[in-house]
Amino acid sequence: MARLFRKKDDVPKRSLWQRVKDLVKTDVGVLLRGGVDEGSLEALEELLIESDFGVPTSLALVAEVERLAKRGDVKTEAEFKDALAAGVERALRHGNSDPALNVAASGPTVVLVIGVNGAGKTTFIGKFAADCKARGQRVLLGAADTFRAGAIDQLRVWAQRSDVDFVGGAAGSDPASVAFDAVDAGITRGVDVIIVDTAGRLHTSDDLMTELRKINRVIAKRLPTAPHEVLLVLDGTIGQNALAQARTFSAAVPVTGIVVTKLDGTAKGGIVVAVHEALNVPIKFVGLGEQVGDLAPFDAAEYARELVDS
């Protein structure tokens, strides 16, 4: 994940650490001496919240900084950076945090992908399908986003590009029926992974959430253990709005993992920590760009270090 916090033109963004140093006018001594400056700690708390870590995580990180500083365990900038990165990693490893994908004990693994318009769902599906294919798995894509003919065509193009199977219905057809047909076809054809796309649903729409629950139920009728993964795709650039979306989607269906996209376009990477803490759901993937290879399994230690250093 070496390119996490780079602009699209590859110009480095100001790191979290640089902003911490700016906060105390490039002199972090007030945070490193045994007598901690309360004003600086409050300012650090505000900075973390502004970076979308969320209030609980920000408070916990600041409390840990204060504890270490008072004990004299942090005496240099390098030690402070290490402490900050360790705190972020600890938050990401708390609770339900295993990034490994849930796999069916037998038969195909069914992955339902959900999220709002513009989050990068279809692009993620295409990259995920290509990755599965590269590992020797047979993959089928189901186009249950039937509200837009363009969405069906876009997924079909990704299927052709990755040389994987495809099932889609006509525009305007019942999304749950398409999802059922995709799972049925995947079972019949003996595929390893079935990935079902859904419409980019506005998280404020009760009707669309009801339909999403229907898709989830219909998949389970065809294959009782499915879906094995329900991956919620969130746009990393929208900050706390992503947290609101995550809470609403998780109330509608049992989300098993989070995919955060567009991290190459944001310096507010704290939202990854905030979403994990709020839902107690693991981050499974991060999207780093538009190319097929720009998808990385989530690594908490690497992410924490990149967030501080990049």
C-alpha atoms as a PDB file:
ATOM      1  CA  MET A   1       0.000   0.000   0.000  1.00  0.00           C
ATOM      2  CA  ALA A   2       2.892   2.315  -0.713  1.00  0.00           C
ATOM      3  CA  ARG A   3       0.783   4.812  -2.686  1.00  0.00           C
ATOM      4  CA  LEU A   4      -2.107   5.216  -0.266  1.00  0.00           C
ATOM      5  CA  PHE A   5      -1.954   8.916   0.354  1.00  0.00           C
ATOM      6  CA  ARG A   6      -0.734  10.299  -2.951  1.00  0.00           C
ATOM      7  CA  LYS A   7      -2.618  12.629  -5.234  1.00  0.00           C
ATOM      8  CA  LYS A   8      -3.529  11.296  -8.651  1.00  0.00           C
ATOM      9  CA  ASP A   9      -0.596  13.230 -10.140  1.00  0.00           C
ATOM     10  CA  ASP A  10       1.630  11.487  -7.558  1.00  0.00           C
ATOM     11  CA  VAL A  11       2.415  14.693  -5.671  1.00  0.00           C
ATOM     12  CA  PRO A  12       2.810  13.755  -1.991  1.00  0.00           C
ATOM     13  CA  LYS A  13       0.089  14.935   0.355  1.00  0.00           C
ATOM     14  CA  ARG A  14       0.886  16.448   3.733  1.00  0.00           C
ATOM     15  CA  SER A  15       1.079  13.550   6.145  1.00  0.00           C
ATOM     16  CA  LEU A  16      -0.787  13.302   9.397  1.00  0.00           C
ATOM     17  CA  TRP A  17       2.567  13.678  11.135  1.00  0.00           C
ATOM     18  CA  GLN A  18       3.370  16.879   9.246  1.00  0.00           C
ATOM     19  CA  ARG A  19       0.044  18.313  10.309  1.00  0.00           C
ATOM     20  CA  VAL A  20       0.774  17.317  13.913  1.00  0.00           C
ATOM     21  CA  LYS A  21       4.098  19.157  13.702  1.00  0.00           C
ATOM     22  CA  ASP A  22       2.397  22.194  12.167  1.00  0.00           C
ATOM     23  CA  LEU A  23      -0.027  22.123  15.055  1.00  0.00           C
ATOM     24  CA  VAL A  24       2.783  22.847  17.509  1.00  0.00           C
ATOM     25  CA  LYS A  25       4.734  25.073  15.105  1.00  0.00           C
ATOM     26  CA  THR A  26       7.182  22.284  14.141  1.00  0.00           C
ATOM     27  CA  ASP A  27       8.223  21.813  17.768  1.00  0.00           C
ATOM     28  CA  VAL A  28       6.693  18.704  19.270  1.00  0.00           C
ATOM     29  CA  GLY A  29       8.576  19.193  22.517  1.00  0.00           C
ATOM     30  CA  VAL A  30       5.398  20.216  24.337  1.00  0.00           C
ATOM     31  CA  LEU A  31       4.013  16.763  23.583  1.00  0.00           C
ATOM     32  CA  LEU A  32       7.184  14.942  24.508  1.00  0.00           C
ATOM     33  CA  ARG A  33       8.088  16.312  27.929  1.00  0.00           C
ATOM     34  CA  GLY A  34       6.783  14.753  31.120  1.00  0.00           C
ATOM     35  CA  GLY A  35       4.479  17.700  31.809  1.00  0.00           C
ATOM     36  CA  VAL A  36       2.030  17.524  28.900  1.00  0.00           C
ATOM     37  CA  ASP A  37       0.590  20.755  27.550  1.00  0.00           C
ATOM     38  CA  GLU A  38      -3.203  20.378  27.741  1.00  0.00           C
ATOM     39  CA  GLY A  39      -3.783  22.927  24.994  1.00  0.00           C
ATOM     40  CA  SER A  40      -1.624  20.953  22.581  1.00  0.00           C
ATOM     41  CA  LEU A  41      -3.429  17.742  23.451  1.00  0.00           C
ATOM     42  CA  GLU A  42      -6.792  19.383  22.788  1.00  0.00           C
ATOM     43  CA  ALA A  43      -5.488  20.665  19.456  1.00  0.00           C
ATOM     44  CA  LEU A  44      -4.226  17.172  18.588  1.00  0.00           C
ATOM     45  CA  GLU A  45      -7.667  15.795  19.395  1.00  0.00           C
ATOM     46  CA  GLU A  46      -9.267  18.339  17.045  1.00  0.00           C
ATOM     47  CA  LEU A  47      -6.791  17.492  14.286  1.00  0.00           C
ATOM     48  CA  LEU A  48      -7.581  13.779  14.529  1.00  0.00           C
ATOM     49  CA  ILE A  49     -11.313  14.448  14.427  1.00  0.00           C
ATOM     50  CA  GLU A  50     -10.817  16.683  11.383  1.00  0.00           C
ATOM     51  CA  SER A  51      -8.930  13.789   9.779  1.00  0.00           C
ATOM     52  CA  ASP A  52     -12.117  11.703  10.170  1.00  0.00           C
ATOM     53  CA  PHE A  53     -10.925   9.350  12.900  1.00  0.00           C
ATOM     54  CA  GLY A  54     -14.155   9.978  14.785  1.00  0.00           C
ATOM     55  CA  VAL A  55     -14.517  11.103  18.374  1.00  0.00           C
ATOM     56  CA  PRO A  56     -14.015   7.771  20.244  1.00  0.00           C
ATOM     57  CA  THR A  57     -10.822   6.868  18.383  1.00  0.00           C
ATOM     58  CA  SER A  58      -9.453  10.418  18.591  1.00  0.00           C
ATOM     59  CA  LEU A  59      -9.988  10.519  22.353  1.00  0.00           C
ATOM     60  CA  ALA A  60      -8.324   7.132  22.783  1.00  0.00           C
ATOM     61  CA  LEU A  61      -5.292   8.119  20.699  1.00  0.00           C
ATOM     62  CA  VAL A  62      -4.817  11.382  22.599  1.00  0.00           C
ATOM     63  CA  ALA A  63      -5.167   9.605  25.951  1.00  0.00           C
ATOM     64  CA  GLU A  64      -2.453   7.156  24.921  1.00  0.00           C
ATOM     65  CA  VAL A  65      -0.160  10.006  23.835  1.00  0.00           C
ATOM     66  CA  GLU A  66      -0.700  11.706  27.186  1.00  0.00           C
ATOM     67  CA  ARG A  67      -0.041   8.496  29.113  1.00  0.00           C
ATOM     68  CA  LEU A  68       3.210   7.759  27.268  1.00  0.00           C
ATOM     69  CA  ALA A  69       4.428  11.342  27.521  1.00  0.00           C
ATOM     70  CA  LYS A  70       3.799  11.521  31.259  1.00  0.00           C
ATOM     71  CA  ARG A  71       5.664   8.254  31.787  1.00  0.00           C
ATOM     72  CA  GLY A  72       8.569   9.541  29.737  1.00  0.00           C
ATOM     73  CA  ASP A  73       8.296   6.665  27.262  1.00  0.00           C
ATOM     74  CA  VAL A  74       8.189   9.036  24.285  1.00  0.00           C
ATOM     75  CA  LYS A  75      11.174  11.364  24.045  1.00  0.00           C
ATOM     76  CA  THR A  76      11.823  11.867  20.325  1.00  0.00           C
ATOM     77  CA  GLU A  77       9.840  12.631  17.189  1.00  0.00           C
ATOM     78  CA  ALA A  78      10.486   9.104  15.906  1.00  0.00           C
ATOM     79  CA  GLU A  79       9.108   7.605  19.117  1.00  0.00           C
ATOM     80  CA  PHE A  80       6.080   9.845  18.926  1.00  0.00           C
ATOM     81  CA  LYS A  81       5.399   8.781  15.329  1.00  0.00           C
ATOM     82  CA  ASP A  82       5.767   5.138  16.316  1.00  0.00           C
ATOM     83  CA  ALA A  83       3.335   5.629  19.200  1.00  0.00           C
ATOM     84  CA  LEU A  84       0.774   7.304  16.954  1.00  0.00           C
ATOM     85  CA  ALA A  85       1.041   4.575  14.302  1.00  0.00           C
ATOM     86  CA  ALA A  86       0.794   1.875  16.984  1.00  0.00           C
ATOM     87  CA  GLY A  87      -2.367   3.477  18.337  1.00  0.00           C
ATOM     88  CA  VAL A  88      -3.980   3.536  14.893  1.00  0.00           C
ATOM     89  CA  GLU A  89      -3.013  -0.093  14.278  1.00  0.00           C
ATOM     90  CA  ARG A  90      -4.376  -1.115  17.673  1.00  0.00           C
ATOM     91  CA  ALA A  91      -7.725   0.520  16.862  1.00  0.00           C
ATOM     92  CA  LEU A  92      -7.874  -1.292  13.515  1.00  0.00           C
ATOM     93  CA  ARG A  93      -7.128  -4.657  15.142  1.00  0.00           C
ATOM     94  CA  HIS A  94      -9.711  -4.207  17.875  1.00  0.00           C
ATOM     95  CA  GLY A  95     -12.762  -6.487  17.773  1.00  0.00           C
ATOM     96  CA  ASN A  96     -13.847  -8.065  14.486  1.00  0.00           C
ATOM     97  CA  SER A  97     -10.866  -7.189  12.310  1.00  0.00           C
ATOM     98  CA  ASP A  98      -9.777 -10.234  10.295  1.00  0.00           C
ATOM     99  CA  PRO A  99      -9.480  -9.120   6.627  1.00  0.00           C
ATOM    100  CA  ALA A 100      -9.603 -12.674   5.277  1.00  0.00           C
ATOM    101  CA  LEU A 101     -12.563 -13.377   3.027  1.00  0.00           C
ATOM    102  CA  ASN A 102     -15.254 -15.785   4.207  1.00  0.00           C
ATOM    103  CA  VAL A 103     -15.223 -18.794   1.880  1.00  0.00           C
ATOM    104  CA  ALA A 104     -17.960 -21.382   1.350  1.00  0.00           C
ATOM    105  CA  ALA A 105     -17.254 -24.782   2.863  1.00  0.00           C
ATOM    106  CA  SER A 106     -18.424 -26.341  -0.393  1.00  0.00           C
ATOM    107  CA  GLY A 107     -19.729 -25.006  -3.668  1.00  0.00           C
ATOM    108  CA  PRO A 108     -19.389 -21.416  -4.816  1.00  0.00           C
ATOM    109  CA  THR A 109     -18.604 -18.493  -2.558  1.00  0.00           C
ATOM    110  CA  VAL A 110     -21.210 -15.758  -3.073  1.00  0.00           C
ATOM    111  CA  VAL A 111     -20.170 -12.140  -2.579  1.00  0.00           C
ATOM    112  CA  LEU A 112     -22.870  -9.458  -2.522  1.00  0.00           C
ATOM    113  CA  VAL A 113     -21.523  -5.959  -3.185  1.00  0.00           C
ATOM    114  CA  ILE A 114     -23.476  -2.904  -1.999  1.00  0.00           C
ATOM    115  CA  GLY A 115     -22.975   0.860  -1.774  1.00  0.00           C
ATOM    116  CA  VAL A 116     -24.168   4.215  -3.082  1.00  0.00           C
ATOM    117  CA  ASN A 117     -23.755   5.714  -6.527  1.00  0.00           C
ATOM    118  CA  GLY A 118     -20.233   6.840  -7.265  1.00  0.00           C
ATOM    119  CA  ALA A 119     -18.524   4.869  -4.510  1.00  0.00           C
ATOM    120  CA  GLY A 120     -16.696   2.665  -7.004  1.00  0.00           C
ATOM    121  CA  LYS A 121     -18.650  -0.588  -6.643  1.00  0.00           C
ATOM    122  CA  THR A 122     -18.496  -1.754 -10.235  1.00  0.00           C
ATOM    123  CA  THR A 123     -14.826  -0.885 -10.580  1.00  0.00           C
ATOM    124  CA  PHE A 124     -14.082  -2.795  -7.379  1.00  0.00           C
ATOM    125  CA  ILE A 125     -16.013  -5.811  -8.687  1.00  0.00           C
ATOM    126  CA  GLY A 126     -14.041  -5.777 -11.925  1.00  0.00           C
ATOM    127  CA  LYS A 127     -10.705  -5.618 -10.111  1.00  0.00           C
ATOM    128  CA  PHE A 128     -11.797  -8.244  -7.566  1.00  0.00           C
ATOM    129  CA  ALA A 129     -12.933 -10.588 -10.353  1.00  0.00           C
ATOM    130  CA  ALA A 130      -9.614 -10.174 -12.163  1.00  0.00           C
ATOM    131  CA  ASP A 131      -7.745 -10.946  -8.941  1.00  0.00           C
ATOM    132  CA  CYS A 132      -9.798 -14.113  -8.335  1.00  0.00           C
ATOM    133  CA  LYS A 133      -9.261 -15.174 -11.948  1.00  0.00           C
ATOM    134  CA  ALA A 134      -5.500 -14.652 -11.597  1.00  0.00           C
ATOM    135  CA  ARG A 135      -5.558 -17.035  -8.617  1.00  0.00           C
ATOM    136  CA  GLY A 136      -7.039 -19.745 -10.832  1.00  0.00           C
ATOM    137  CA  GLN A 137     -10.655 -19.405  -9.692  1.00  0.00           C
ATOM    138  CA  ARG A 138     -13.621 -19.529 -12.017  1.00  0.00           C
ATOM    139  CA  VAL A 139     -15.743 -16.416 -11.489  1.00  0.00           C
ATOM    140  CA  LEU A 140     -19.267 -15.320 -12.417  1.00  0.00           C
ATOM    141  CA  LEU A 141     -20.522 -11.730 -12.266  1.00  0.00           C
ATOM    142  CA  GLY A 142     -24.233 -11.071 -11.666  1.00  0.00           C
ATOM    143  CA  ALA A 143     -25.587  -7.688 -12.791  1.00  0.00           C
ATOM    144  CA  ALA A 144     -28.394  -7.064 -10.295  1.00  0.00           C
ATOM    145  CA  ASP A 145     -28.145  -3.303 -10.823  1.00  0.00           C
ATOM    146  CA  THR A 146     -31.032  -3.220 -13.269  1.00  0.00           C
ATOM    147  CA  PHE A 147     -32.011   0.434 -12.797  1.00  0.00           C
ATOM    148  CA  ARG A 148     -29.492   1.580 -15.388  1.00  0.00           C
ATOM    149  CA  ALA A 149     -28.777  -0.224 -18.657  1.00  0.00           C
ATOM    150  CA  GLY A 150     -25.344   1.369 -18.534  1.00  0.00           C
ATOM    151  CA  ALA A 151     -24.551  -0.413 -15.289  1.00  0.00           C
ATOM    152  CA  ILE A 152     -25.335  -3.788 -16.869  1.00  0.00           C
ATOM    153  CA  ASP A 153     -23.170  -2.973 -19.883  1.00  0.00           C
ATOM    154  CA  GLN A 154     -20.335  -1.752 -17.690  1.00  0.00           C
ATOM    155  CA  LEU A 155     -20.276  -4.975 -15.692  1.00  0.00           C
ATOM    156  CA  ARG A 156     -20.451  -7.018 -18.907  1.00  0.00           C
ATOM    157  CA  VAL A 157     -17.361  -5.186 -20.173  1.00  0.00           C
ATOM    158  CA  TRP A 158     -15.501  -5.984 -16.951  1.00  0.00           C
ATOM    159  CA  ALA A 159     -16.519  -9.647 -17.310  1.00  0.00           C
ATOM    160  CA  GLN A 160     -15.224  -9.762 -20.883  1.00  0.00           C
ATOM    161  CA  ARG A 161     -12.009  -7.981 -19.913  1.00  0.00           C
ATOM    162  CA  SER A 162     -11.315 -10.501 -17.152  1.00  0.00           C
ATOM    163  CA  ASP A 163     -12.649 -13.476 -19.134  1.00  0.00           C
ATOM    164  CA  VAL A 164     -15.195 -14.482 -16.504  1.00  0.00           C
ATOM    165  CA  ASP A 165     -18.835 -15.601 -16.726  1.00  0.00           C
ATOM    166  CA  PHE A 166     -21.656 -13.076 -16.751  1.00  0.00           C
ATOM    167  CA  VAL A 167     -25.382 -13.140 -15.947  1.00  0.00           C
ATOM    168  CA  GLY A 168     -27.571 -10.081 -16.452  1.00  0.00           C
ATOM    169  CA  GLY A 169     -31.200  -9.203 -17.010  1.00  0.00           C
ATOM    170  CA  ALA A 170     -32.951  -6.517 -18.983  1.00  0.00           C
ATOM    171  CA  ALA A 171     -32.926  -2.962 -17.700  1.00  0.00           C
ATOM    172  CA  GLY A 172     -35.845  -2.502 -15.310  1.00  0.00           C
ATOM    173  CA  SER A 173     -36.156  -6.186 -14.463  1.00  0.00           C
ATOM    174  CA  ASP A 174     -36.409  -7.414 -10.863  1.00  0.00           C
ATOM    175  CA  PRO A 175     -32.923  -7.174  -9.278  1.00  0.00           C
ATOM    176  CA  ALA A 176     -33.675 -10.038  -6.860  1.00  0.00           C
ATOM    177  CA  SER A 177     -34.574 -12.309  -9.780  1.00  0.00           C
ATOM    178  CA  VAL A 178     -31.288 -11.491 -11.500  1.00  0.00           C
ATOM    179  CA  ALA A 179     -29.400 -12.233  -8.287  1.00  0.00           C
ATOM    180  CA  PHE A 180     -31.216 -15.575  -7.981  1.00  0.00           C
ATOM    181  CA  ASP A 181     -30.417 -16.435 -11.607  1.00  0.00           C
ATOM    182  CA  ALA A 182     -26.761 -15.535 -11.113  1.00  0.00           C
ATOM    183  CA  VAL A 183     -26.410 -17.819  -8.091  1.00  0.00           C
ATOM    184  CA  ASP A 184     -28.335 -20.576  -9.852  1.00  0.00           C
ATOM    185  CA  ALA A 185     -26.102 -20.288 -12.929  1.00  0.00           C
ATOM    186  CA  GLY A 186     -22.972 -20.263 -10.808  1.00  0.00           C
ATOM    187  CA  ILE A 187     -24.002 -23.453  -9.043  1.00  0.00           C
ATOM    188  CA  THR A 188     -24.923 -25.152 -12.325  1.00  0.00           C
ATOM    189  CA  ARG A 189     -21.671 -24.136 -14.021  1.00  0.00           C
ATOM    190  CA  GLY A 190     -19.518 -25.093 -11.051  1.00  0.00           C
ATOM    191  CA  VAL A 191     -17.871 -21.716 -10.586  1.00  0.00           C
ATOM    192  CA  ASP A 192     -15.789 -20.896  -7.519  1.00  0.00           C
ATOM    193  CA  VAL A 193     -16.863 -17.295  -6.875  1.00  0.00           C
ATOM    194  CA  ILE A 194     -20.136 -15.484  -7.662  1.00  0.00           C
ATOM    195  CA  ILE A 195     -20.007 -11.695  -7.324  1.00  0.00           C
ATOM    196  CA  VAL A 196     -23.366  -9.914  -7.395  1.00  0.00           C
ATOM    197  CA  ASP A 197     -23.516  -6.200  -8.158  1.00  0.00           C
ATOM    198  CA  THR A 198     -26.399  -4.064  -6.870  1.00  0.00           C
ATOM    199  CA  ALA A 199     -27.729  -0.631  -7.742  1.00  0.00           C
ATOM    200  CA  GLY A 200     -25.998   2.390  -6.258  1.00  0.00           C
ATOM    201  CA  ARG A 201     -28.600   2.954  -3.623  1.00  0.00           C
ATOM    202  CA  LEU A 202     -29.109   6.257  -1.904  1.00  0.00           C
ATOM    203  CA  HIS A 203     -28.740   5.458   1.789  1.00  0.00           C
ATOM    204  CA  THR A 204     -31.708   7.729   2.552  1.00  0.00           C
ATOM    205  CA  SER A 205     -34.162   5.598   0.546  1.00  0.00           C
ATOM    206  CA  ASP A 206     -36.180   3.134   2.624  1.00  0.00           C
ATOM    207  CA  ASP A 207     -37.656   1.503  -0.493  1.00  0.00           C
ATOM    208  CA  LEU A 208     -34.256   0.725  -1.934  1.00  0.00           C
ATOM    209  CA  MET A 209     -33.029  -0.662   1.366  1.00  0.00           C
ATOM    210  CA  THR A 210     -36.095  -2.909   1.471  1.00  0.00           C
ATOM    211  CA  GLU A 211     -35.199  -4.165  -1.986  1.00  0.00           C
ATOM    212  CA  LEU A 212     -31.639  -4.821  -0.895  1.00  0.00           C
ATOM    213  CA  ARG A 213     -32.951  -6.986   1.951  1.00  0.00           C
ATOM    214  CA  LYS A 214     -35.040  -8.870  -0.617  1.00  0.00           C
ATOM    215  CA  ILE A 215     -31.963  -9.575  -2.750  1.00  0.00           C
ATOM    216  CA  ASN A 216     -30.184 -10.911   0.319  1.00  0.00           C
ATOM    217  CA  ARG A 217     -33.132 -13.209   1.160  1.00  0.00           C
ATOM    218  CA  VAL A 218     -33.513 -14.502  -2.394  1.00  0.00           C
ATOM    219  CA  ILE A 219     -29.834 -15.429  -2.621  1.00  0.00           C
ATOM    220  CA  ALA A 220     -30.194 -17.391   0.628  1.00  0.00           C
ATOM    221  CA  LYS A 221     -33.213 -19.253  -0.789  1.00  0.00           C
ATOM    222  CA  ARG A 222     -31.133 -20.577  -3.678  1.00  0.00           C
ATOM    223  CA  LEU A 223     -28.057 -21.262  -1.530  1.00  0.00           C
ATOM    224  CA  PRO A 224     -28.855 -21.360   2.206  1.00  0.00           C
ATOM    225  CA  THR A 225     -25.328 -20.469   3.350  1.00  0.00           C
ATOM    226  CA  ALA A 226     -25.097 -17.463   1.026  1.00  0.00           C
ATOM    227  CA  PRO A 227     -24.179 -14.705   0.714  1.00  0.00           C
ATOM    228  CA  HIS A 228     -20.895 -15.581   2.361  1.00  0.00           C
ATOM    229  CA  GLU A 229     -19.691 -11.994   2.133  1.00  0.00           C
ATOM    230  CA  VAL A 230     -21.641  -8.734   2.011  1.00  0.00           C
ATOM    231  CA  LEU A 231     -19.075  -6.111   1.103  1.00  0.00           C
ATOM    232  CA  LEU A 232     -19.972  -2.448   1.563  1.00  0.00           C
ATOM    233  CA  VAL A 233     -18.032  -0.145  -0.760  1.00  0.00           C
ATOM    234  CA  LEU A 234     -17.373   3.342   0.621  1.00  0.00           C
ATOM    235  CA  ASP A 235     -15.770   6.349  -1.039  1.00  0.00           C
ATOM    236  CA  GLY A 236     -12.789   7.335   1.095  1.00  0.00           C
ATOM    237  CA  THR A 237     -12.999  10.971   0.004  1.00  0.00           C
ATOM    238  CA  ILE A 238     -16.383  11.761   1.573  1.00  0.00           C
ATOM    239  CA  GLY A 239     -15.326  11.618   5.216  1.00  0.00           C
ATOM    240  CA  GLN A 240     -18.043  11.337   7.847  1.00  0.00           C
ATOM    241  CA  ASN A 241     -20.745  10.826   5.185  1.00  0.00           C
ATOM    242  CA  ALA A 242     -19.185   7.402   4.658  1.00  0.00           C
ATOM    243  CA  LEU A 243     -19.821   6.628   8.316  1.00  0.00           C
ATOM    244  CA  ALA A 244     -23.499   7.587   7.973  1.00  0.00           C
ATOM    245  CA  GLN A 245     -23.789   5.358   4.894  1.00  0.00           C
ATOM    246  CA  ALA A 246     -22.108   2.474   6.675  1.00  0.00           C
ATOM    247  CA  ARG A 247     -24.513   2.619   9.598  1.00  0.00           C
ATOM    248  CA  THR A 248     -27.580   2.723   7.346  1.00  0.00           C
ATOM    249  CA  PHE A 249     -26.490  -0.143   5.100  1.00  0.00           C
ATOM    250  CA  SER A 250     -25.475  -2.320   8.047  1.00  0.00           C
ATOM    251  CA  ALA A 251     -28.934  -1.801   9.551  1.00  0.00           C
ATOM    252  CA  ALA A 252     -30.478  -3.151   6.329  1.00  0.00           C
ATOM    253  CA  VAL A 253     -28.264  -6.183   5.675  1.00  0.00           C
ATOM    254  CA  PRO A 254     -25.544  -7.984   7.658  1.00  0.00           C
ATOM    255  CA  VAL A 255     -22.393  -6.328   6.313  1.00  0.00           C
ATOM    256  CA  THR A 256     -19.375  -8.620   6.703  1.00  0.00           C
ATOM    257  CA  GLY A 257     -16.633  -6.414   5.298  1.00  0.00           C
ATOM    258  CA  ILE A 258     -15.759  -2.907   4.164  1.00  0.00           C
ATOM    259  CA  VAL A 259     -14.051  -1.830   0.940  1.00  0.00           C
ATOM    260  CA  VAL A 260     -12.703   1.728   0.976  1.00  0.00           C
ATOM    261  CA  THR A 261     -12.015   3.206  -2.465  1.00  0.00           C
ATOM    262  CA  LYS A 262     -10.249   6.331  -3.756  1.00  0.00           C
ATOM    263  CA  LEU A 263      -7.713   6.454  -0.954  1.00  0.00           C
ATOM    264  CA  ASP A 264      -5.215   7.768  -3.495  1.00  0.00           C
ATOM    265  CA  GLY A 265      -7.330  10.924  -3.607  1.00  0.00           C
ATOM    266  CA  THR A 266      -7.729  11.797   0.070  1.00  0.00           C
ATOM    267  CA  ALA A 267      -5.614  12.859   3.020  1.00  0.00           C
ATOM    268  CA  LYS A 268      -8.386  12.059   5.488  1.00  0.00           C
ATOM    269  CA  GLY A 269      -7.638   8.390   5.898  1.00  0.00           C
ATOM    270  CA  GLY A 270      -8.948   8.309   9.444  1.00  0.00           C
ATOM    271  CA  ILE A 271     -12.399   7.376   8.115  1.00  0.00           C
ATOM    272  CA  VAL A 272     -11.137   3.796   7.721  1.00  0.00           C
ATOM    273  CA  VAL A 273     -10.576   3.622  11.470  1.00  0.00           C
ATOM    274  CA  ALA A 274     -13.879   5.328  12.288  1.00  0.00           C
ATOM    275  CA  VAL A 275     -15.961   2.943  10.149  1.00  0.00           C
ATOM    276  CA  HIS A 276     -14.276  -0.132  11.608  1.00  0.00           C
ATOM    277  CA  GLU A 277     -14.809   1.128  15.149  1.00  0.00           C
ATOM    278  CA  ALA A 278     -18.457   2.071  14.536  1.00  0.00           C
ATOM    279  CA  LEU A 279     -19.551  -1.187  12.888  1.00  0.00           C
ATOM    280  CA  ASN A 280     -17.081  -3.680  14.386  1.00  0.00           C
ATOM    281  CA  VAL A 281     -16.636  -4.968  10.833  1.00  0.00           C
ATOM    282  CA  PRO A 282     -13.239  -5.649   9.238  1.00  0.00           C
ATOM    283  CA  ILE A 283     -11.770  -3.595   6.408  1.00  0.00           C
ATOM    284  CA  LYS A 284     -11.206  -6.170   3.667  1.00  0.00           C
ATOM    285  CA  PHE A 285      -9.826  -4.141   0.751  1.00  0.00           C
ATOM    286  CA  VAL A 286      -8.634  -0.669  -0.096  1.00  0.00           C
ATOM    287  CA  GLY A 287      -8.776   0.762  -3.615  1.00  0.00           C
ATOM    288  CA  LEU A 288      -5.687   2.727  -4.610  1.00  0.00           C
ATOM    289  CA  GLY A 289      -6.512   3.727  -8.200  1.00  0.00           C
ATOM    290  CA  GLU A 290      -8.349   2.881 -11.404  1.00  0.00           C
ATOM    291  CA  GLN A 291      -6.155   0.108 -12.783  1.00  0.00           C
ATOM    292  CA  VAL A 292      -6.867  -3.598 -12.366  1.00  0.00           C
ATOM    293  CA  GLY A 293      -3.851  -4.039 -10.096  1.00  0.00           C
ATOM    294  CA  ASP A 294      -4.807  -1.124  -7.840  1.00  0.00           C
ATOM    295  CA  LEU A 295      -6.614  -3.254  -5.273  1.00  0.00           C
ATOM    296  CA  ALA A 296      -4.920  -4.366  -2.085  1.00  0.00           C
ATOM    297  CA  PRO A 297      -6.004  -6.669   0.741  1.00  0.00           C
ATOM    298  CA  PHE A 298      -6.104  -4.625   3.916  1.00  0.00           C
ATOM    299  CA  ASP A 299      -3.069  -4.662   6.203  1.00  0.00           C
ATOM    300  CA  ALA A 300      -3.607  -2.771   9.467  1.00  0.00           C
ATOM    301  CA  ALA A 301       0.076  -2.283  10.290  1.00  0.00           C
ATOM    302  CA  GLU A 302       0.968  -1.043   6.819  1.00  0.00           C
ATOM    303  CA  TYR A 303      -2.048   1.238   6.702  1.00  0.00           C
ATOM    304  CA  ALA A 304      -1.259   2.799  10.086  1.00  0.00           C
ATOM    305  CA  ARG A 305       2.347   3.487   9.104  1.00  0.00           C
ATOM    306  CA  GLU A 306       1.361   4.913   5.708  1.00  0.00           C
ATOM    307  CA  LEU A 307      -1.242   7.132   7.332  1.00  0.00           C
ATOM    308  CA  VAL A 308       1.368   8.667   9.616  1.00  0.00           C
ATOM    309  CA  ASP A 309       4.339   8.746   7.243  1.00  0.00           C
ATOM    310  CA  SER A 310       2.987   9.386   3.745  1.00  0.00           C
END
